[in-house]
Amino acid sequence: MIFKLKTMYPNSDEVTLSGKYLRKFKIDELPQFFNVLLGQMSVVGPRPDVEGYYDTLQGENRKILQLKPGITSESAIKYKNEEAILEKQENPKLYNDEVIFPDKIKMNLEYYYKQSFVLDVKIILKTIKNLIS
């Protein structure tokens, strides 16, 4: 279970007005620090994904599952506006399945092999820079 602030109307795919603000500045992610304190997540690591994606990984890509989910990552920074990117696509699910998700896997697998304290600090600083700009 991941802690998050609600940003959508109940039983809907529509984001609330306050939810748009919370999502824009990633404030809805702040409660996930409770998950970090509980040892369920790390600050840096692959973002948790919806069912039907990470659970279907094959071969070497399954190594990503050995990492604790994180609040931020290189792929989270790159796709911070993922919803906006998908809104522009004729077939958002297909674009996610064929372009975005494979790219996230590639980036997260690269993190798996290169993970270090220094890399984590760089990703955290890059995340903060992205939030400010």
N, C-alpha and C. Protein backbone atom coordinates (compact mmCIF):
# COMPACT_ATOMS: atom_id res chain seq x y z
N MET A 1 0.85 -1.18 0.00
CA MET A 1 0.00 0.00 0.00
C MET A 1 0.90 1.24 0.00
N ILE A 2 0.58 2.16 -0.88
CA ILE A 2 1.36 3.38 -1.00
C ILE A 2 0.49 4.55 -0.56
N PHE A 3 1.04 5.39 0.30
CA PHE A 3 0.32 6.56 0.76
C PHE A 3 0.40 7.66 -0.29
N LYS A 4 -0.75 8.26 -0.59
CA LYS A 4 -0.83 9.37 -1.54
C LYS A 4 -2.02 10.24 -1.17
N LEU A 5 -1.98 11.49 -1.56
CA LEU A 5 -3.14 12.35 -1.40
C LEU A 5 -4.10 12.10 -2.55
N LYS A 6 -5.39 12.07 -2.26
CA LYS A 6 -6.39 11.86 -3.31
C LYS A 6 -6.42 13.07 -4.23
N THR A 7 -6.40 12.79 -5.52
CA THR A 7 -6.43 13.88 -6.50
C THR A 7 -7.53 13.69 -7.54
N MET A 8 -8.32 12.62 -7.38
CA MET A 8 -9.36 12.33 -8.36
C MET A 8 -10.72 12.23 -7.68
N TYR A 9 -11.74 12.51 -8.46
CA TYR A 9 -13.10 12.33 -7.95
C TYR A 9 -13.35 10.84 -7.76
N PRO A 10 -14.12 10.47 -6.71
CA PRO A 10 -14.42 9.06 -6.50
C PRO A 10 -15.14 8.44 -7.71
N ASN A 11 -14.79 7.21 -8.03
CA ASN A 11 -15.41 6.46 -9.13
C ASN A 11 -15.32 7.20 -10.46
N SER A 12 -14.19 7.88 -10.70
CA SER A 12 -14.04 8.68 -11.90
C SER A 12 -12.58 8.68 -12.33
N ASP A 13 -12.34 9.02 -13.59
CA ASP A 13 -10.98 9.22 -14.09
C ASP A 13 -10.63 10.69 -14.15
N GLU A 14 -11.50 11.53 -13.57
CA GLU A 14 -11.32 12.98 -13.63
C GLU A 14 -10.56 13.49 -12.42
N VAL A 15 -9.53 14.30 -12.68
CA VAL A 15 -8.72 14.88 -11.62
C VAL A 15 -9.43 16.12 -11.08
N THR A 16 -9.43 16.26 -9.75
CA THR A 16 -10.05 17.43 -9.12
C THR A 16 -9.23 18.68 -9.41
N LEU A 17 -9.83 19.84 -9.19
CA LEU A 17 -9.13 21.11 -9.40
C LEU A 17 -7.91 21.19 -8.48
N SER A 18 -8.11 20.86 -7.21
CA SER A 18 -6.98 20.88 -6.28
C SER A 18 -5.98 19.78 -6.64
N GLY A 19 -6.49 18.67 -7.17
CA GLY A 19 -5.62 17.57 -7.58
C GLY A 19 -4.66 17.96 -8.68
N LYS A 20 -5.09 18.82 -9.59
CA LYS A 20 -4.21 19.29 -10.67
C LYS A 20 -3.02 20.03 -10.09
N TYR A 21 -3.29 20.87 -9.08
CA TYR A 21 -2.22 21.62 -8.42
C TYR A 21 -1.30 20.67 -7.66
N LEU A 22 -1.90 19.75 -6.90
CA LEU A 22 -1.11 18.79 -6.11
C LEU A 22 -0.23 17.94 -7.01
N ARG A 23 -0.75 17.52 -8.15
CA ARG A 23 0.03 16.70 -9.08
C ARG A 23 1.11 17.50 -9.78
N LYS A 24 0.78 18.73 -10.16
CA LYS A 24 1.76 19.57 -10.88
C LYS A 24 3.04 19.73 -10.07
N PHE A 25 2.89 19.96 -8.78
CA PHE A 25 4.04 20.18 -7.91
C PHE A 25 4.44 18.93 -7.12
N LYS A 26 3.85 17.79 -7.49
CA LYS A 26 4.15 16.48 -6.90
C LYS A 26 3.89 16.44 -5.39
N ILE A 27 3.03 17.31 -4.91
CA ILE A 27 2.69 17.33 -3.49
C ILE A 27 1.94 16.06 -3.11
N ASP A 28 1.21 15.47 -4.06
CA ASP A 28 0.48 14.24 -3.77
C ASP A 28 1.41 13.08 -3.44
N GLU A 29 2.69 13.22 -3.74
CA GLU A 29 3.67 12.17 -3.47
C GLU A 29 4.26 12.26 -2.06
N LEU A 30 4.13 13.39 -1.40
CA LEU A 30 4.76 13.58 -0.09
C LEU A 30 4.41 12.51 0.95
N PRO A 31 3.16 12.05 1.04
CA PRO A 31 2.86 11.01 2.03
C PRO A 31 3.66 9.72 1.84
N GLN A 32 4.28 9.55 0.66
CA GLN A 32 5.07 8.34 0.43
C GLN A 32 6.32 8.31 1.30
N PHE A 33 6.68 9.44 1.90
CA PHE A 33 7.80 9.42 2.83
C PHE A 33 7.48 8.55 4.05
N PHE A 34 6.18 8.38 4.36
CA PHE A 34 5.79 7.43 5.42
C PHE A 34 6.16 6.01 4.99
N ASN A 35 5.97 5.70 3.70
CA ASN A 35 6.37 4.39 3.20
C ASN A 35 7.88 4.20 3.32
N VAL A 36 8.64 5.29 3.09
CA VAL A 36 10.10 5.21 3.23
C VAL A 36 10.45 4.95 4.69
N LEU A 37 9.83 5.69 5.60
CA LEU A 37 10.10 5.50 7.03
C LEU A 37 9.73 4.09 7.50
N LEU A 38 8.70 3.51 6.90
CA LEU A 38 8.28 2.15 7.26
C LEU A 38 9.15 1.08 6.57
N GLY A 39 10.08 1.51 5.70
CA GLY A 39 10.96 0.57 5.00
C GLY A 39 10.33 -0.10 3.80
N GLN A 40 9.16 0.39 3.36
CA GLN A 40 8.47 -0.21 2.23
C GLN A 40 8.92 0.37 0.90
N MET A 41 9.49 1.56 0.95
CA MET A 41 9.96 2.24 -0.26
C MET A 41 11.31 2.88 0.05
N SER A 42 11.99 3.30 -1.01
CA SER A 42 13.20 4.09 -0.86
C SER A 42 12.94 5.45 -1.50
N VAL A 43 13.83 6.38 -1.27
CA VAL A 43 13.66 7.70 -1.90
C VAL A 43 13.89 7.56 -3.40
N VAL A 44 14.94 6.82 -3.78
CA VAL A 44 15.25 6.62 -5.20
C VAL A 44 15.03 5.15 -5.55
N GLY A 45 14.32 4.93 -6.63
CA GLY A 45 14.05 3.59 -7.12
C GLY A 45 12.94 3.65 -8.14
N PRO A 46 12.66 2.56 -8.82
CA PRO A 46 11.60 2.58 -9.83
C PRO A 46 10.26 2.95 -9.21
N ARG A 47 9.53 3.80 -9.88
CA ARG A 47 8.20 4.17 -9.40
C ARG A 47 7.28 2.95 -9.49
N PRO A 48 6.44 2.76 -8.49
CA PRO A 48 5.46 1.66 -8.59
C PRO A 48 4.57 1.89 -9.81
N ASP A 49 4.17 0.83 -10.45
CA ASP A 49 3.32 0.96 -11.62
C ASP A 49 2.02 0.18 -11.41
N VAL A 50 1.07 0.42 -12.27
CA VAL A 50 -0.22 -0.25 -12.16
C VAL A 50 -0.08 -1.72 -12.53
N GLU A 51 -1.01 -2.52 -12.06
CA GLU A 51 -1.01 -3.94 -12.34
C GLU A 51 -1.01 -4.19 -13.84
N GLY A 52 -0.28 -5.21 -14.25
CA GLY A 52 -0.23 -5.56 -15.66
C GLY A 52 1.01 -5.06 -16.36
N TYR A 53 1.92 -4.43 -15.63
CA TYR A 53 3.16 -3.94 -16.24
C TYR A 53 4.38 -4.61 -15.60
N TYR A 54 4.81 -4.16 -14.44
CA TYR A 54 5.99 -4.76 -13.82
C TYR A 54 5.80 -6.24 -13.54
N ASP A 55 4.59 -6.65 -13.26
CA ASP A 55 4.35 -8.05 -12.96
C ASP A 55 4.45 -8.94 -14.20
N THR A 56 4.56 -8.36 -15.38
CA THR A 56 4.69 -9.16 -16.60
C THR A 56 6.11 -9.15 -17.17
N LEU A 57 7.05 -8.57 -16.45
CA LEU A 57 8.43 -8.51 -16.94
C LEU A 57 9.01 -9.90 -17.13
N GLN A 58 9.87 -10.01 -18.11
CA GLN A 58 10.50 -11.29 -18.45
C GLN A 58 12.02 -11.15 -18.41
N GLY A 59 12.70 -12.26 -18.21
CA GLY A 59 14.16 -12.32 -18.31
C GLY A 59 14.90 -11.33 -17.43
N GLU A 60 15.91 -10.71 -18.01
CA GLU A 60 16.77 -9.77 -17.27
C GLU A 60 15.97 -8.60 -16.70
N ASN A 61 14.91 -8.20 -17.38
CA ASN A 61 14.10 -7.07 -16.92
C ASN A 61 13.50 -7.31 -15.53
N ARG A 62 13.35 -8.56 -15.14
CA ARG A 62 12.79 -8.89 -13.81
C ARG A 62 13.72 -8.45 -12.68
N LYS A 63 14.98 -8.16 -12.99
CA LYS A 63 15.91 -7.69 -11.96
C LYS A 63 15.40 -6.40 -11.32
N ILE A 64 14.64 -5.62 -12.06
CA ILE A 64 14.08 -4.38 -11.54
C ILE A 64 13.22 -4.65 -10.31
N LEU A 65 12.58 -5.80 -10.28
CA LEU A 65 11.70 -6.16 -9.16
C LEU A 65 12.47 -6.37 -7.87
N GLN A 66 13.80 -6.52 -7.95
CA GLN A 66 14.63 -6.66 -6.75
C GLN A 66 14.86 -5.32 -6.06
N LEU A 67 14.59 -4.23 -6.78
CA LEU A 67 14.76 -2.89 -6.22
C LEU A 67 13.51 -2.48 -5.45
N LYS A 68 13.70 -1.77 -4.34
CA LYS A 68 12.55 -1.21 -3.64
C LYS A 68 11.96 -0.11 -4.50
N PRO A 69 10.64 -0.02 -4.56
CA PRO A 69 10.04 1.09 -5.29
C PRO A 69 10.50 2.41 -4.67
N GLY A 70 10.58 3.42 -5.48
CA GLY A 70 11.08 4.71 -5.00
C GLY A 70 10.13 5.86 -5.27
N ILE A 71 10.39 6.96 -4.60
CA ILE A 71 9.61 8.18 -4.80
C ILE A 71 10.04 8.87 -6.08
N THR A 72 11.32 8.76 -6.43
CA THR A 72 11.82 9.38 -7.64
C THR A 72 12.82 8.46 -8.34
N SER A 73 13.03 8.73 -9.62
CA SER A 73 13.98 7.98 -10.43
C SER A 73 14.24 8.78 -11.69
N GLU A 74 15.22 8.34 -12.46
CA GLU A 74 15.49 9.01 -13.74
C GLU A 74 14.26 8.96 -14.63
N SER A 75 13.57 7.83 -14.66
CA SER A 75 12.39 7.72 -15.52
C SER A 75 11.24 8.59 -15.00
N ALA A 76 11.13 8.74 -13.68
CA ALA A 76 10.09 9.61 -13.12
C ALA A 76 10.36 11.06 -13.49
N ILE A 77 11.63 11.43 -13.53
CA ILE A 77 11.99 12.79 -13.93
C ILE A 77 11.69 12.99 -15.42
N LYS A 78 12.13 12.05 -16.24
CA LYS A 78 11.91 12.17 -17.69
C LYS A 78 10.43 12.22 -18.04
N TYR A 79 9.63 11.42 -17.34
CA TYR A 79 8.20 11.34 -17.66
C TYR A 79 7.34 12.03 -16.60
N LYS A 80 7.84 13.13 -16.06
CA LYS A 80 7.08 13.84 -15.03
C LYS A 80 5.76 14.38 -15.59
N ASN A 81 5.69 14.58 -16.89
CA ASN A 81 4.47 15.05 -17.54
C ASN A 81 3.85 13.94 -18.39
N GLU A 82 3.92 12.73 -17.88
CA GLU A 82 3.45 11.57 -18.64
C GLU A 82 1.98 11.71 -19.07
N GLU A 83 1.15 12.20 -18.18
CA GLU A 83 -0.27 12.35 -18.53
C GLU A 83 -0.44 13.28 -19.73
N ALA A 84 0.30 14.38 -19.75
CA ALA A 84 0.21 15.32 -20.86
C ALA A 84 0.74 14.69 -22.15
N ILE A 85 1.80 13.90 -22.05
CA ILE A 85 2.34 13.22 -23.22
C ILE A 85 1.31 12.25 -23.78
N LEU A 86 0.68 11.49 -22.90
CA LEU A 86 -0.31 10.49 -23.34
C LEU A 86 -1.56 11.14 -23.91
N GLU A 87 -1.96 12.30 -23.38
CA GLU A 87 -3.15 13.00 -23.89
C GLU A 87 -2.99 13.39 -25.36
N LYS A 88 -1.76 13.60 -25.80
CA LYS A 88 -1.48 14.03 -27.17
C LYS A 88 -1.46 12.86 -28.16
N GLN A 89 -1.51 11.64 -27.64
CA GLN A 89 -1.39 10.46 -28.51
C GLN A 89 -2.75 10.00 -29.01
N GLU A 90 -2.76 9.53 -30.23
CA GLU A 90 -4.00 8.99 -30.80
C GLU A 90 -4.45 7.74 -30.03
N ASN A 91 -3.47 6.91 -29.66
CA ASN A 91 -3.77 5.70 -28.87
C ASN A 91 -2.83 5.71 -27.66
N PRO A 92 -3.26 6.36 -26.56
CA PRO A 92 -2.38 6.52 -25.40
C PRO A 92 -1.87 5.19 -24.81
N LYS A 93 -2.73 4.19 -24.71
CA LYS A 93 -2.31 2.91 -24.13
C LYS A 93 -1.23 2.26 -24.99
N LEU A 94 -1.42 2.27 -26.30
CA LEU A 94 -0.44 1.70 -27.21
C LEU A 94 0.88 2.45 -27.11
N TYR A 95 0.82 3.78 -27.05
CA TYR A 95 2.04 4.59 -26.93
C TYR A 95 2.76 4.27 -25.62
N ASN A 96 2.00 4.15 -24.54
CA ASN A 96 2.60 3.80 -23.26
C ASN A 96 3.24 2.41 -23.34
N ASP A 97 2.53 1.46 -23.91
CA ASP A 97 3.02 0.08 -23.96
C ASP A 97 4.24 -0.09 -24.87
N GLU A 98 4.29 0.68 -25.97
CA GLU A 98 5.35 0.49 -26.95
C GLU A 98 6.50 1.49 -26.83
N VAL A 99 6.28 2.63 -26.18
CA VAL A 99 7.32 3.66 -26.11
C VAL A 99 7.71 3.96 -24.66
N ILE A 100 6.77 4.44 -23.88
CA ILE A 100 7.10 4.92 -22.53
C ILE A 100 7.53 3.78 -21.60
N PHE A 101 6.70 2.76 -21.48
CA PHE A 101 7.02 1.69 -20.54
C PHE A 101 8.35 1.00 -20.88
N PRO A 102 8.62 0.64 -22.14
CA PRO A 102 9.93 0.04 -22.44
C PRO A 102 11.10 0.98 -22.11
N ASP A 103 10.90 2.29 -22.30
CA ASP A 103 11.96 3.24 -21.96
C ASP A 103 12.17 3.28 -20.45
N LYS A 104 11.08 3.25 -19.69
CA LYS A 104 11.20 3.21 -18.23
C LYS A 104 11.95 1.95 -17.79
N ILE A 105 11.64 0.83 -18.40
CA ILE A 105 12.32 -0.43 -18.07
C ILE A 105 13.81 -0.29 -18.33
N LYS A 106 14.16 0.25 -19.49
CA LYS A 106 15.56 0.44 -19.85
C LYS A 106 16.27 1.32 -18.82
N MET A 107 15.64 2.42 -18.45
CA MET A 107 16.25 3.35 -17.49
C MET A 107 16.36 2.71 -16.09
N ASN A 108 15.32 1.99 -15.67
CA ASN A 108 15.35 1.36 -14.36
C ASN A 108 16.36 0.22 -14.29
N LEU A 109 16.53 -0.50 -15.39
CA LEU A 109 17.53 -1.57 -15.43
C LEU A 109 18.94 -0.96 -15.38
N GLU A 110 19.12 0.15 -16.05
CA GLU A 110 20.40 0.86 -15.98
C GLU A 110 20.68 1.28 -14.54
N TYR A 111 19.65 1.77 -13.84
CA TYR A 111 19.81 2.14 -12.43
C TYR A 111 20.17 0.90 -11.59
N TYR A 112 19.55 -0.21 -11.88
CA TYR A 112 19.83 -1.46 -11.16
C TYR A 112 21.34 -1.77 -11.18
N TYR A 113 21.96 -1.62 -12.36
CA TYR A 113 23.36 -1.95 -12.50
C TYR A 113 24.31 -0.87 -11.98
N LYS A 114 23.84 0.38 -11.96
CA LYS A 114 24.74 1.48 -11.58
C LYS A 114 24.43 2.08 -10.21
N GLN A 115 23.45 1.53 -9.49
CA GLN A 115 23.02 2.15 -8.24
C GLN A 115 24.18 2.36 -7.27
N SER A 116 24.15 3.55 -6.66
CA SER A 116 25.15 3.91 -5.66
C SER A 116 24.61 5.11 -4.89
N PHE A 117 25.23 5.39 -3.78
CA PHE A 117 24.83 6.55 -2.98
C PHE A 117 24.99 7.83 -3.79
N VAL A 118 26.10 7.94 -4.51
CA VAL A 118 26.37 9.15 -5.31
C VAL A 118 25.31 9.32 -6.39
N LEU A 119 24.95 8.23 -7.07
CA LEU A 119 23.92 8.30 -8.10
C LEU A 119 22.58 8.70 -7.49
N ASP A 120 22.25 8.15 -6.32
CA ASP A 120 21.00 8.52 -5.65
C ASP A 120 20.97 10.01 -5.33
N VAL A 121 22.07 10.55 -4.83
CA VAL A 121 22.14 11.98 -4.52
C VAL A 121 21.95 12.80 -5.79
N LYS A 122 22.57 12.38 -6.88
CA LYS A 122 22.42 13.10 -8.16
C LYS A 122 20.95 13.09 -8.62
N ILE A 123 20.29 11.94 -8.47
CA ILE A 123 18.88 11.84 -8.88
C ILE A 123 18.00 12.70 -7.98
N ILE A 124 18.27 12.71 -6.70
CA ILE A 124 17.49 13.54 -5.77
C ILE A 124 17.67 15.01 -6.12
N LEU A 125 18.91 15.45 -6.36
CA LEU A 125 19.16 16.86 -6.73
C LEU A 125 18.50 17.22 -8.05
N LYS A 126 18.55 16.30 -9.00
CA LYS A 126 17.91 16.52 -10.30
C LYS A 126 16.39 16.63 -10.14
N THR A 127 15.83 15.82 -9.24
CA THR A 127 14.40 15.87 -8.95
C THR A 127 14.02 17.22 -8.37
N ILE A 128 14.79 17.68 -7.41
CA ILE A 128 14.52 18.98 -6.78
C ILE A 128 14.62 20.09 -7.82
N LYS A 129 15.64 20.05 -8.66
CA LYS A 129 15.80 21.05 -9.72
C LYS A 129 14.59 21.05 -10.65
N ASN A 130 14.11 19.87 -10.99
CA ASN A 130 12.95 19.76 -11.88
C ASN A 130 11.67 20.28 -11.24
N LEU A 131 11.54 20.10 -9.94
CA LEU A 131 10.36 20.60 -9.24
C LEU A 131 10.34 22.12 -9.16
N ILE A 132 11.55 22.70 -9.04
CA ILE A 132 11.66 24.16 -8.92
C ILE A 132 11.49 24.84 -10.27
N SER A 133 12.02 24.23 -11.33
CA SER A 133 11.96 24.87 -12.65
C SER A 133 10.69 24.58 -13.39
